[in-house]
Amino acid sequence: LARLLCDYPVLGRLISTLVSLWIKTSAELLKRIHHDRSAIETTFDIEPGASLEEIKLDLSDRHRGGQSVALLTFAGQVKVVYKPKDLRLDAAYQDFLTLCNELSGECHFRVLTVLPRDGHGYVEWVDHRLCTSVDELKGFYRNAGRLLTVLHILGCTDCHYENLIASGQQLVLIDSETLFAGD
């Protein structure tokens, strides 16, 4: 390794930077979880004091000093997504979907639980789930059309396979940062 780094000193600097950023962002994540623990338990119906059993890091591209999305798994297999960005727009989008469901009198849209905090937040995990019947598949396509209509009206520009999850009859937008970005 020493010879490799002598031959390629920039590589050594890049490795050092990556490790430093990982330590900094991991420590920040743990501090935020500790600080927000009570609100996380209340918002996502996690038993008070339930152990945090797993943290999966790097579920997104790295932004803002190496930060990325992480999946937190608590005892009882309760999964919560940590996002190192302001989630007020995500919360407003979910409130809008709730309003659409209320006005239609039906639950056409899956509404996610969001806990926005200062500069970061937490969102309900969405499992990818295949449709199990022809009727469920028909419902999926109806609901996907409804969702795409709403996203078009809201000017969403980043609706690709990494930001949408198919979960049974629902197509769910999991990253709403580009709402109102369209022309």
Protein backbone atom coordinates (compact mmCIF):
# COMPACT_ATOMS: atom_id res chain seq x y z
CA LEU A 1 0.00 0.00 0.00
CA ALA A 2 2.85 2.39 0.86
CA ARG A 3 4.42 1.92 -2.57
CA LEU A 4 1.05 2.40 -4.29
CA LEU A 5 0.45 5.64 -2.40
CA CYS A 6 4.01 6.84 -3.20
CA ASP A 7 3.35 6.25 -6.87
CA TYR A 8 -0.14 7.78 -6.69
CA PRO A 9 -0.20 10.46 -3.95
CA VAL A 10 -3.51 11.90 -5.15
CA LEU A 11 -5.09 8.51 -4.48
CA GLY A 12 -3.87 8.72 -0.89
CA ARG A 13 -5.38 12.17 -0.49
CA LEU A 14 -8.70 10.97 -1.96
CA ILE A 15 -8.80 7.95 0.38
CA SER A 16 -8.01 10.19 3.35
CA THR A 17 -10.75 12.65 2.36
CA LEU A 18 -13.29 9.85 1.89
CA VAL A 19 -12.51 8.32 5.29
CA SER A 20 -12.67 11.73 7.02
CA LEU A 21 -16.04 12.52 5.43
CA TRP A 22 -17.38 9.07 6.36
CA ILE A 23 -16.39 9.57 10.01
CA LYS A 24 -17.92 13.06 10.10
CA THR A 25 -21.22 12.11 8.42
CA SER A 26 -21.57 8.87 10.43
CA ALA A 27 -21.07 10.73 13.70
CA GLU A 28 -23.59 13.37 12.61
CA LEU A 29 -26.14 10.67 11.70
CA LEU A 30 -25.77 8.98 15.11
CA LYS A 31 -26.09 12.32 16.95
CA ARG A 32 -29.22 13.18 14.99
CA ILE A 33 -30.83 9.80 15.68
CA HIS A 34 -30.02 10.16 19.39
CA HIS A 35 -31.41 13.72 19.50
CA ASP A 36 -34.56 12.84 17.51
CA ARG A 37 -35.16 9.43 19.13
CA SER A 38 -38.36 10.32 21.00
CA ALA A 39 -39.93 12.01 17.95
CA ILE A 40 -38.92 9.07 15.72
CA GLU A 41 -40.54 6.58 18.11
CA THR A 42 -43.74 8.61 18.35
CA THR A 43 -44.04 9.42 14.64
CA PHE A 44 -43.31 5.93 13.32
CA ASP A 45 -45.03 3.97 16.09
CA ILE A 46 -41.81 2.40 17.40
CA GLU A 47 -41.90 0.95 20.88
CA PRO A 48 -40.10 3.33 23.27
CA GLY A 49 -36.54 2.17 23.85
CA ALA A 50 -36.63 -0.33 20.96
CA SER A 51 -33.12 -1.12 19.83
CA LEU A 52 -31.75 0.27 16.60
CA GLU A 53 -30.67 -3.02 15.04
CA GLU A 54 -29.23 -1.97 11.69
CA ILE A 55 -28.14 1.08 9.74
CA LYS A 56 -27.64 0.70 5.98
CA LEU A 57 -25.62 3.59 4.61
CA ASP A 58 -25.10 5.04 1.15
CA LEU A 59 -28.59 4.44 -0.25
CA SER A 60 -28.23 7.51 -2.46
CA ASP A 61 -25.61 9.59 -4.16
CA ARG A 62 -23.44 11.58 -1.77
CA HIS A 63 -24.19 15.26 -1.43
CA ARG A 64 -23.26 18.13 0.88
CA GLY A 65 -19.96 16.83 2.26
CA GLY A 66 -20.49 13.12 1.69
CA GLN A 67 -23.96 12.78 3.23
CA SER A 68 -26.36 10.18 1.88
CA VAL A 69 -29.64 8.47 2.65
CA ALA A 70 -29.61 5.69 5.27
CA LEU A 71 -32.09 2.97 6.24
CA LEU A 72 -32.66 2.56 9.98
CA THR A 73 -34.12 -0.74 11.18
CA PHE A 74 -35.51 -0.86 14.70
CA ALA A 75 -36.56 -3.88 16.75
CA GLY A 76 -39.71 -5.43 15.31
CA GLN A 77 -38.43 -4.77 11.77
CA VAL A 78 -39.71 -1.19 11.73
CA LYS A 79 -37.83 0.60 8.95
CA VAL A 80 -37.35 4.35 8.70
CA VAL A 81 -35.43 6.24 6.03
CA TYR A 82 -33.06 9.00 7.18
CA LYS A 83 -32.51 11.80 4.66
CA PRO A 84 -29.83 14.43 5.26
CA LYS A 85 -31.82 17.27 3.68
CA ASP A 86 -34.76 19.51 4.48
CA LEU A 87 -37.97 17.45 4.20
CA ARG A 88 -40.55 20.22 4.52
CA LEU A 89 -41.40 19.93 0.80
CA ASP A 90 -41.81 16.16 1.21
CA ALA A 91 -44.16 16.72 4.15
CA ALA A 92 -46.19 19.29 2.19
CA TYR A 93 -46.43 16.89 -0.76
CA GLN A 94 -47.73 14.12 1.52
CA ASP A 95 -50.26 16.59 3.01
CA PHE A 96 -51.39 17.39 -0.55
CA LEU A 97 -51.89 13.68 -1.31
CA THR A 98 -53.91 13.37 1.90
CA LEU A 99 -56.10 16.26 0.75
CA CYS A 100 -56.58 14.63 -2.67
CA ASN A 101 -57.66 11.39 -0.97
CA GLU A 102 -60.07 13.27 1.31
CA LEU A 103 -61.62 15.26 -1.55
CA SER A 104 -62.11 12.15 -3.70
CA GLY A 105 -63.48 10.11 -0.81
CA GLU A 106 -61.11 7.28 -1.72
CA CYS A 107 -57.50 6.39 -1.04
CA HIS A 108 -56.05 6.64 -4.53
CA PHE A 109 -52.63 7.74 -3.22
CA ARG A 110 -50.36 6.11 -0.67
CA VAL A 111 -49.46 8.78 1.88
CA LEU A 112 -46.12 8.44 3.65
CA THR A 113 -45.32 9.53 7.17
CA VAL A 114 -42.65 12.23 7.20
CA LEU A 115 -40.78 13.71 10.17
CA PRO A 116 -39.04 16.90 9.03
CA ARG A 117 -36.27 18.22 11.28
CA ASP A 118 -33.85 21.11 10.90
CA GLY A 119 -31.79 20.25 7.78
CA HIS A 120 -32.66 16.55 7.83
CA GLY A 121 -35.58 14.23 8.44
CA TYR A 122 -37.09 10.77 8.41
CA VAL A 123 -39.59 9.09 6.08
CA GLU A 124 -41.58 5.89 6.21
CA TRP A 125 -39.93 3.00 4.35
CA VAL A 126 -41.75 1.71 1.24
CA ASP A 127 -41.25 -1.95 0.31
CA HIS A 128 -41.24 -2.88 -3.35
CA ARG A 129 -44.10 -5.36 -3.73
CA LEU A 130 -45.38 -7.02 -6.89
CA CYS A 131 -49.09 -7.14 -7.67
CA THR A 132 -50.62 -10.50 -6.76
CA SER A 133 -53.66 -10.49 -9.04
CA VAL A 134 -54.94 -9.08 -12.30
CA ASP A 135 -57.31 -6.77 -10.39
CA GLU A 136 -54.43 -5.46 -8.29
CA LEU A 137 -52.39 -4.87 -11.46
CA LYS A 138 -55.27 -2.92 -13.02
CA GLY A 139 -55.47 -0.86 -9.82
CA PHE A 140 -51.73 -0.21 -10.01
CA TYR A 141 -51.98 1.24 -13.52
CA ARG A 142 -55.01 3.39 -12.60
CA ASN A 143 -53.22 4.72 -9.53
CA ALA A 144 -49.96 5.22 -11.44
CA GLY A 145 -51.84 7.33 -14.00
CA ARG A 146 -53.40 9.38 -11.20
CA LEU A 147 -50.01 9.91 -9.59
CA LEU A 148 -48.32 10.90 -12.84
CA THR A 149 -51.11 13.39 -13.50
CA VAL A 150 -50.57 14.97 -10.07
CA LEU A 151 -46.80 15.03 -10.59
CA HIS A 152 -47.23 16.68 -13.99
CA ILE A 153 -49.50 19.35 -12.49
CA LEU A 154 -46.97 19.95 -9.70
CA GLY A 155 -44.13 20.31 -12.21
CA CYS A 156 -42.09 17.32 -11.05
CA THR A 157 -39.07 16.73 -13.31
CA ASP A 158 -37.20 13.81 -11.70
CA CYS A 159 -39.55 10.83 -11.96
CA HIS A 160 -37.24 7.95 -12.80
CA TYR A 161 -36.77 4.43 -11.49
CA GLU A 162 -34.69 5.52 -8.46
CA ASN A 163 -37.37 7.94 -7.23
CA LEU A 164 -40.47 5.78 -7.71
CA ILE A 165 -41.32 2.49 -5.99
CA ALA A 166 -44.03 0.08 -7.07
CA SER A 167 -45.73 -1.28 -3.95
CA GLY A 168 -48.75 -3.41 -4.74
CA GLN A 169 -51.45 -1.20 -6.24
CA GLN A 170 -49.46 1.96 -5.55
CA LEU A 171 -46.71 3.80 -7.36
CA VAL A 172 -44.99 5.93 -4.72
CA LEU A 173 -42.75 8.96 -5.28
CA ILE A 174 -40.03 8.76 -2.64
CA ASP A 175 -38.06 11.89 -3.51
CA SER A 176 -40.06 15.04 -4.09
CA GLU A 177 -37.18 17.54 -4.24
CA THR A 178 -37.90 18.43 -7.87
CA LEU A 179 -41.58 19.28 -7.47
CA PHE A 180 -42.41 22.70 -8.94
CA ALA A 181 -39.24 22.55 -11.05
CA GLY A 182 -40.96 22.10 -14.42
CA ASP A 183 -41.79 24.82 -16.91
